[in-house]
Amino acid sequence: MELKIERADAQQLLRGEDPDLERQVEERLVFTTLEKAQNWARKNALWPLGYGTACCAIEMITTAAGPRPDLSRFGAEVVRASPRQADMLILSGRLSIKWARVARRLYEQMLEPKWVIAMGACASSAGMFNNYALIQGADKFLPVDVYVPGCPPRPEALIYGVMKLQDQIEGDPSLGWRKRYRAEGTEERA
């Protein structure tokens, strides 16, 4: 008896006579735009480049490779050592005037789109080491998307910063610093 009922329901469905047809179709299909799907993919496939110069680097390494605060569970798989394989730069630690050129060069070698996280008080504002040899904040020479406070910040804080960056990427990655500073076209330099 059940087989006859299922067969009759299937025939009604094929003829288009089933009143629940539209509801069933809407439940099983997902509609989106290419841009939203692309932003979702970017958000969940971040490839970080770690640039650590002080004690914050230890916390960054713990976050990236440690068993508890595993960063790969949040879409940022493995911290890379090559800028050409990364799209997110994590600056952690003090930034001296000499090392700023190196960090800027690494940033310029990264492919577009790219994002920057300044991790710790030293990378954000030179922290307690505010002297003539250090730069008072990474935003003086790089466009920073997310600041992670702390001295040094715990792994949970860095994960929270990555999640905030993911929210920005999913929302609209083009509405970052380029739009704010009218810097469209600065993506590729000779």
C-alpha atoms as a PDB file:
ATOM      1  CA  MET A   1       0.000   0.000   0.000  1.00  0.00           C
ATOM      2  CA  GLU A   2       2.837   2.423   0.848  1.00  0.00           C
ATOM      3  CA  LEU A   3       4.443   1.799  -2.520  1.00  0.00           C
ATOM      4  CA  LYS A   4       1.232   2.809  -4.319  1.00  0.00           C
ATOM      5  CA  ILE A   5       1.015   6.034  -2.299  1.00  0.00           C
ATOM      6  CA  GLU A   6       4.648   6.929  -3.019  1.00  0.00           C
ATOM      7  CA  ARG A   7       4.135   6.163  -6.709  1.00  0.00           C
ATOM      8  CA  ALA A   8       1.035   8.366  -6.892  1.00  0.00           C
ATOM      9  CA  ASP A   9       2.909  11.200  -5.101  1.00  0.00           C
ATOM     10  CA  ALA A  10       5.814  10.879  -7.546  1.00  0.00           C
ATOM     11  CA  GLN A  11       3.451  11.028 -10.544  1.00  0.00           C
ATOM     12  CA  GLN A  12       1.761  14.147  -9.140  1.00  0.00           C
ATOM     13  CA  LEU A  13       5.162  15.698  -8.573  1.00  0.00           C
ATOM     14  CA  LEU A  14       6.251  14.989 -12.169  1.00  0.00           C
ATOM     15  CA  ARG A  15       3.051  16.439 -13.601  1.00  0.00           C
ATOM     16  CA  GLY A  16       3.513  19.609 -11.556  1.00  0.00           C
ATOM     17  CA  GLU A  17       0.259  19.085  -9.668  1.00  0.00           C
ATOM     18  CA  ASP A  18       1.871  18.832  -6.228  1.00  0.00           C
ATOM     19  CA  PRO A  19       1.231  21.977  -4.136  1.00  0.00           C
ATOM     20  CA  ASP A  20       4.424  21.371  -2.137  1.00  0.00           C
ATOM     21  CA  LEU A  21       6.617  21.278  -5.261  1.00  0.00           C
ATOM     22  CA  GLU A  22       7.837  24.862  -4.935  1.00  0.00           C
ATOM     23  CA  ARG A  23       8.582  24.431  -1.233  1.00  0.00           C
ATOM     24  CA  GLN A  24      10.567  21.252  -1.934  1.00  0.00           C
ATOM     25  CA  VAL A  25      12.571  22.947  -4.687  1.00  0.00           C
ATOM     26  CA  GLU A  26      13.376  25.952  -2.467  1.00  0.00           C
ATOM     27  CA  GLU A  27      14.543  23.663   0.343  1.00  0.00           C
ATOM     28  CA  ARG A  28      16.954  21.762  -1.900  1.00  0.00           C
ATOM     29  CA  LEU A  29      18.480  24.578  -3.993  1.00  0.00           C
ATOM     30  CA  VAL A  30      20.928  27.257  -2.940  1.00  0.00           C
ATOM     31  CA  PHE A  31      20.973  30.521  -4.832  1.00  0.00           C
ATOM     32  CA  THR A  32      23.900  32.908  -4.664  1.00  0.00           C
ATOM     33  CA  THR A  33      26.027  35.156  -6.806  1.00  0.00           C
ATOM     34  CA  LEU A  34      29.498  34.392  -8.092  1.00  0.00           C
ATOM     35  CA  GLU A  35      30.917  37.227  -5.993  1.00  0.00           C
ATOM     36  CA  LYS A  36      29.413  35.857  -2.769  1.00  0.00           C
ATOM     37  CA  ALA A  37      30.686  32.363  -3.521  1.00  0.00           C
ATOM     38  CA  GLN A  38      34.135  33.748  -4.280  1.00  0.00           C
ATOM     39  CA  ASN A  39      34.200  35.747  -1.020  1.00  0.00           C
ATOM     40  CA  TRP A  40      33.084  32.670   0.908  1.00  0.00           C
ATOM     41  CA  ALA A  41      35.919  30.663  -0.647  1.00  0.00           C
ATOM     42  CA  ARG A  42      38.461  33.406   0.129  1.00  0.00           C
ATOM     43  CA  LYS A  43      37.229  33.615   3.693  1.00  0.00           C
ATOM     44  CA  ASN A  44      37.631  29.898   4.304  1.00  0.00           C
ATOM     45  CA  ALA A  45      40.975  29.455   2.549  1.00  0.00           C
ATOM     46  CA  LEU A  46      43.350  32.011   4.033  1.00  0.00           C
ATOM     47  CA  TRP A  47      47.058  31.260   3.665  1.00  0.00           C
ATOM     48  CA  PRO A  48      48.956  33.229   6.299  1.00  0.00           C
ATOM     49  CA  LEU A  49      52.545  34.417   6.103  1.00  0.00           C
ATOM     50  CA  GLY A  50      54.053  34.686   9.543  1.00  0.00           C
ATOM     51  CA  TYR A  51      56.456  37.541  10.224  1.00  0.00           C
ATOM     52  CA  GLY A  52      57.550  37.367  13.835  1.00  0.00           C
ATOM     53  CA  THR A  53      60.278  39.474  15.389  1.00  0.00           C
ATOM     54  CA  ALA A  54      59.722  39.118  19.146  1.00  0.00           C
ATOM     55  CA  CYS A  55      57.707  37.400  21.855  1.00  0.00           C
ATOM     56  CA  CYS A  56      54.429  37.705  19.923  1.00  0.00           C
ATOM     57  CA  ALA A  57      55.914  35.349  17.352  1.00  0.00           C
ATOM     58  CA  ILE A  58      55.896  32.539  19.921  1.00  0.00           C
ATOM     59  CA  GLU A  59      52.163  33.031  20.435  1.00  0.00           C
ATOM     60  CA  MET A  60      51.636  33.152  16.657  1.00  0.00           C
ATOM     61  CA  ILE A  61      53.531  29.874  16.230  1.00  0.00           C
ATOM     62  CA  THR A  62      51.521  28.331  19.060  1.00  0.00           C
ATOM     63  CA  THR A  63      48.309  29.418  17.371  1.00  0.00           C
ATOM     64  CA  ALA A  64      49.332  28.132  13.965  1.00  0.00           C
ATOM     65  CA  ALA A  65      50.888  24.818  14.928  1.00  0.00           C
ATOM     66  CA  GLY A  66      49.680  24.029  18.431  1.00  0.00           C
ATOM     67  CA  PRO A  67      47.226  21.213  19.070  1.00  0.00           C
ATOM     68  CA  ARG A  68      44.699  23.258  21.063  1.00  0.00           C
ATOM     69  CA  PRO A  69      44.359  26.588  19.239  1.00  0.00           C
ATOM     70  CA  ASP A  70      44.759  25.064  15.790  1.00  0.00           C
ATOM     71  CA  LEU A  71      44.349  27.876  13.260  1.00  0.00           C
ATOM     72  CA  SER A  72      43.529  25.473  10.434  1.00  0.00           C
ATOM     73  CA  ARG A  73      40.131  24.793  11.996  1.00  0.00           C
ATOM     74  CA  PHE A  74      39.254  28.409  11.209  1.00  0.00           C
ATOM     75  CA  GLY A  75      40.183  28.386   7.539  1.00  0.00           C
ATOM     76  CA  ALA A  76      43.780  29.639   7.814  1.00  0.00           C
ATOM     77  CA  GLU A  77      45.565  26.419   7.030  1.00  0.00           C
ATOM     78  CA  VAL A  78      49.338  26.513   7.367  1.00  0.00           C
ATOM     79  CA  VAL A  79      51.579  29.479   8.102  1.00  0.00           C
ATOM     80  CA  ARG A  80      53.708  29.804   4.999  1.00  0.00           C
ATOM     81  CA  ALA A  81      57.322  30.934   4.709  1.00  0.00           C
ATOM     82  CA  SER A  82      56.900  32.152   1.140  1.00  0.00           C
ATOM     83  CA  PRO A  83      55.038  35.385   0.351  1.00  0.00           C
ATOM     84  CA  ARG A  84      54.060  34.087  -3.074  1.00  0.00           C
ATOM     85  CA  GLN A  85      51.925  31.381  -1.488  1.00  0.00           C
ATOM     86  CA  ALA A  86      50.251  33.607   1.095  1.00  0.00           C
ATOM     87  CA  ASP A  87      47.421  36.120   1.114  1.00  0.00           C
ATOM     88  CA  MET A  88      47.410  37.159   4.783  1.00  0.00           C
ATOM     89  CA  LEU A  89      50.430  38.682   6.537  1.00  0.00           C
ATOM     90  CA  ILE A  90      50.590  38.354  10.327  1.00  0.00           C
ATOM     91  CA  LEU A  91      52.999  40.933  11.761  1.00  0.00           C
ATOM     92  CA  SER A  92      53.916  39.960  15.294  1.00  0.00           C
ATOM     93  CA  GLY A  93      56.454  41.727  17.442  1.00  0.00           C
ATOM     94  CA  ARG A  94      58.562  44.882  17.348  1.00  0.00           C
ATOM     95  CA  LEU A  95      59.103  46.487  13.972  1.00  0.00           C
ATOM     96  CA  SER A  96      62.419  48.276  13.669  1.00  0.00           C
ATOM     97  CA  ILE A  97      63.177  50.747  10.927  1.00  0.00           C
ATOM     98  CA  LYS A  98      65.577  48.270   9.298  1.00  0.00           C
ATOM     99  CA  TRP A  99      63.042  45.412   9.321  1.00  0.00           C
ATOM    100  CA  ALA A 100      60.208  47.560   7.968  1.00  0.00           C
ATOM    101  CA  ARG A 101      61.735  47.437   4.491  1.00  0.00           C
ATOM    102  CA  VAL A 102      61.820  43.650   4.644  1.00  0.00           C
ATOM    103  CA  ALA A 103      58.193  43.443   5.794  1.00  0.00           C
ATOM    104  CA  ARG A 104      57.119  45.874   3.062  1.00  0.00           C
ATOM    105  CA  ARG A 105      58.965  43.842   0.432  1.00  0.00           C
ATOM    106  CA  LEU A 106      57.302  40.625   1.615  1.00  0.00           C
ATOM    107  CA  TYR A 107      53.930  42.382   1.464  1.00  0.00           C
ATOM    108  CA  GLU A 108      54.548  43.570  -2.087  1.00  0.00           C
ATOM    109  CA  GLN A 109      55.481  40.044  -3.188  1.00  0.00           C
ATOM    110  CA  MET A 110      52.154  38.641  -2.002  1.00  0.00           C
ATOM    111  CA  LEU A 111      49.421  38.147  -4.581  1.00  0.00           C
ATOM    112  CA  GLU A 112      46.191  40.131  -4.585  1.00  0.00           C
ATOM    113  CA  PRO A 113      43.900  40.184  -2.699  1.00  0.00           C
ATOM    114  CA  LYS A 114      45.985  40.366   0.467  1.00  0.00           C
ATOM    115  CA  TRP A 115      45.345  41.305   4.055  1.00  0.00           C
ATOM    116  CA  VAL A 116      47.444  42.284   7.092  1.00  0.00           C
ATOM    117  CA  ILE A 117      46.976  41.530  10.790  1.00  0.00           C
ATOM    118  CA  ALA A 118      49.082  43.493  13.291  1.00  0.00           C
ATOM    119  CA  MET A 119      49.461  41.237  16.311  1.00  0.00           C
ATOM    120  CA  GLY A 120      50.423  42.634  19.703  1.00  0.00           C
ATOM    121  CA  ALA A 121      51.028  46.042  21.200  1.00  0.00           C
ATOM    122  CA  CYS A 122      54.465  46.363  19.576  1.00  0.00           C
ATOM    123  CA  ALA A 123      53.208  45.825  16.027  1.00  0.00           C
ATOM    124  CA  SER A 124      50.254  48.128  16.642  1.00  0.00           C
ATOM    125  CA  SER A 125      51.954  51.033  18.440  1.00  0.00           C
ATOM    126  CA  ALA A 126      55.546  50.051  19.407  1.00  0.00           C
ATOM    127  CA  GLY A 127      54.245  49.120  22.878  1.00  0.00           C
ATOM    128  CA  MET A 128      56.631  49.541  25.767  1.00  0.00           C
ATOM    129  CA  PHE A 129      59.613  49.717  23.397  1.00  0.00           C
ATOM    130  CA  ASN A 130      58.752  53.186  22.125  1.00  0.00           C
ATOM    131  CA  ASN A 131      62.166  54.483  21.033  1.00  0.00           C
ATOM    132  CA  TYR A 132      63.945  55.961  18.019  1.00  0.00           C
ATOM    133  CA  ALA A 133      64.788  52.598  16.409  1.00  0.00           C
ATOM    134  CA  LEU A 134      61.211  51.269  16.246  1.00  0.00           C
ATOM    135  CA  ILE A 135      58.275  52.222  14.097  1.00  0.00           C
ATOM    136  CA  GLN A 136      55.251  53.283  16.137  1.00  0.00           C
ATOM    137  CA  GLY A 137      52.750  51.032  14.423  1.00  0.00           C
ATOM    138  CA  ALA A 138      52.678  48.869  11.329  1.00  0.00           C
ATOM    139  CA  ASP A 139      50.133  51.167   9.725  1.00  0.00           C
ATOM    140  CA  LYS A 140      52.931  53.672   9.101  1.00  0.00           C
ATOM    141  CA  PHE A 141      54.262  51.537   6.237  1.00  0.00           C
ATOM    142  CA  LEU A 142      51.584  48.887   5.553  1.00  0.00           C
ATOM    143  CA  PRO A 143      47.800  48.936   5.257  1.00  0.00           C
ATOM    144  CA  VAL A 144      46.607  47.030   8.352  1.00  0.00           C
ATOM    145  CA  ASP A 145      43.172  45.404   8.252  1.00  0.00           C
ATOM    146  CA  VAL A 146      42.909  43.993  11.803  1.00  0.00           C
ATOM    147  CA  TYR A 147      44.704  44.867  15.041  1.00  0.00           C
ATOM    148  CA  VAL A 148      45.033  42.202  17.740  1.00  0.00           C
ATOM    149  CA  PRO A 149      45.742  43.835  21.119  1.00  0.00           C
ATOM    150  CA  GLY A 150      47.783  42.364  23.941  1.00  0.00           C
ATOM    151  CA  CYS A 151      51.326  41.985  25.154  1.00  0.00           C
ATOM    152  CA  PRO A 152      51.628  39.266  23.954  1.00  0.00           C
ATOM    153  CA  PRO A 153      48.119  38.390  22.834  1.00  0.00           C
ATOM    154  CA  ARG A 154      46.929  34.903  23.620  1.00  0.00           C
ATOM    155  CA  PRO A 155      46.251  32.451  20.787  1.00  0.00           C
ATOM    156  CA  GLU A 156      42.526  32.968  21.277  1.00  0.00           C
ATOM    157  CA  ALA A 157      42.964  36.671  20.540  1.00  0.00           C
ATOM    158  CA  LEU A 158      44.741  35.935  17.257  1.00  0.00           C
ATOM    159  CA  ILE A 159      42.019  33.462  16.295  1.00  0.00           C
ATOM    160  CA  TYR A 160      39.427  36.141  17.072  1.00  0.00           C
ATOM    161  CA  GLY A 161      41.363  38.581  14.867  1.00  0.00           C
ATOM    162  CA  VAL A 162      41.413  36.052  12.017  1.00  0.00           C
ATOM    163  CA  MET A 163      37.668  35.559  12.432  1.00  0.00           C
ATOM    164  CA  LYS A 164      37.116  39.341  12.273  1.00  0.00           C
ATOM    165  CA  LEU A 165      39.187  39.465   9.101  1.00  0.00           C
ATOM    166  CA  GLN A 166      37.100  36.628   7.669  1.00  0.00           C
ATOM    167  CA  ASP A 167      33.956  38.642   8.397  1.00  0.00           C
ATOM    168  CA  GLN A 168      35.442  41.574   6.476  1.00  0.00           C
ATOM    169  CA  ILE A 169      36.389  39.334   3.558  1.00  0.00           C
ATOM    170  CA  GLU A 170      32.967  37.708   3.381  1.00  0.00           C
ATOM    171  CA  GLY A 171      31.192  41.052   3.579  1.00  0.00           C
ATOM    172  CA  ASP A 172      33.096  42.743   0.775  1.00  0.00           C
ATOM    173  CA  PRO A 173      36.861  42.417   0.450  1.00  0.00           C
ATOM    174  CA  SER A 174      37.085  45.398  -1.887  1.00  0.00           C
ATOM    175  CA  LEU A 175      35.829  47.763   0.823  1.00  0.00           C
ATOM    176  CA  GLY A 176      39.147  47.778   2.608  1.00  0.00           C
ATOM    177  CA  TRP A 177      41.914  50.306   2.778  1.00  0.00           C
ATOM    178  CA  ARG A 178      42.018  50.831  -0.992  1.00  0.00           C
ATOM    179  CA  LYS A 179      38.515  52.278  -1.033  1.00  0.00           C
ATOM    180  CA  ARG A 180      39.117  54.265   2.151  1.00  0.00           C
ATOM    181  CA  TYR A 181      42.278  55.928   0.800  1.00  0.00           C
ATOM    182  CA  ARG A 182      41.193  56.028  -2.855  1.00  0.00           C
ATOM    183  CA  ALA A 183      44.114  53.790  -3.780  1.00  0.00           C
ATOM    184  CA  GLU A 184      42.564  51.711  -6.559  1.00  0.00           C
ATOM    185  CA  GLY A 185      45.206  50.698  -9.068  1.00  0.00           C
ATOM    186  CA  THR A 186      48.004  50.360  -6.520  1.00  0.00           C
ATOM    187  CA  GLU A 187      47.729  46.574  -6.542  1.00  0.00           C
ATOM    188  CA  GLU A 188      50.522  46.017  -9.033  1.00  0.00           C
ATOM    189  CA  ARG A 189      53.773  47.904  -8.899  1.00  0.00           C
ATOM    190  CA  ALA A 190      56.615  47.632 -11.337  1.00  0.00           C
END
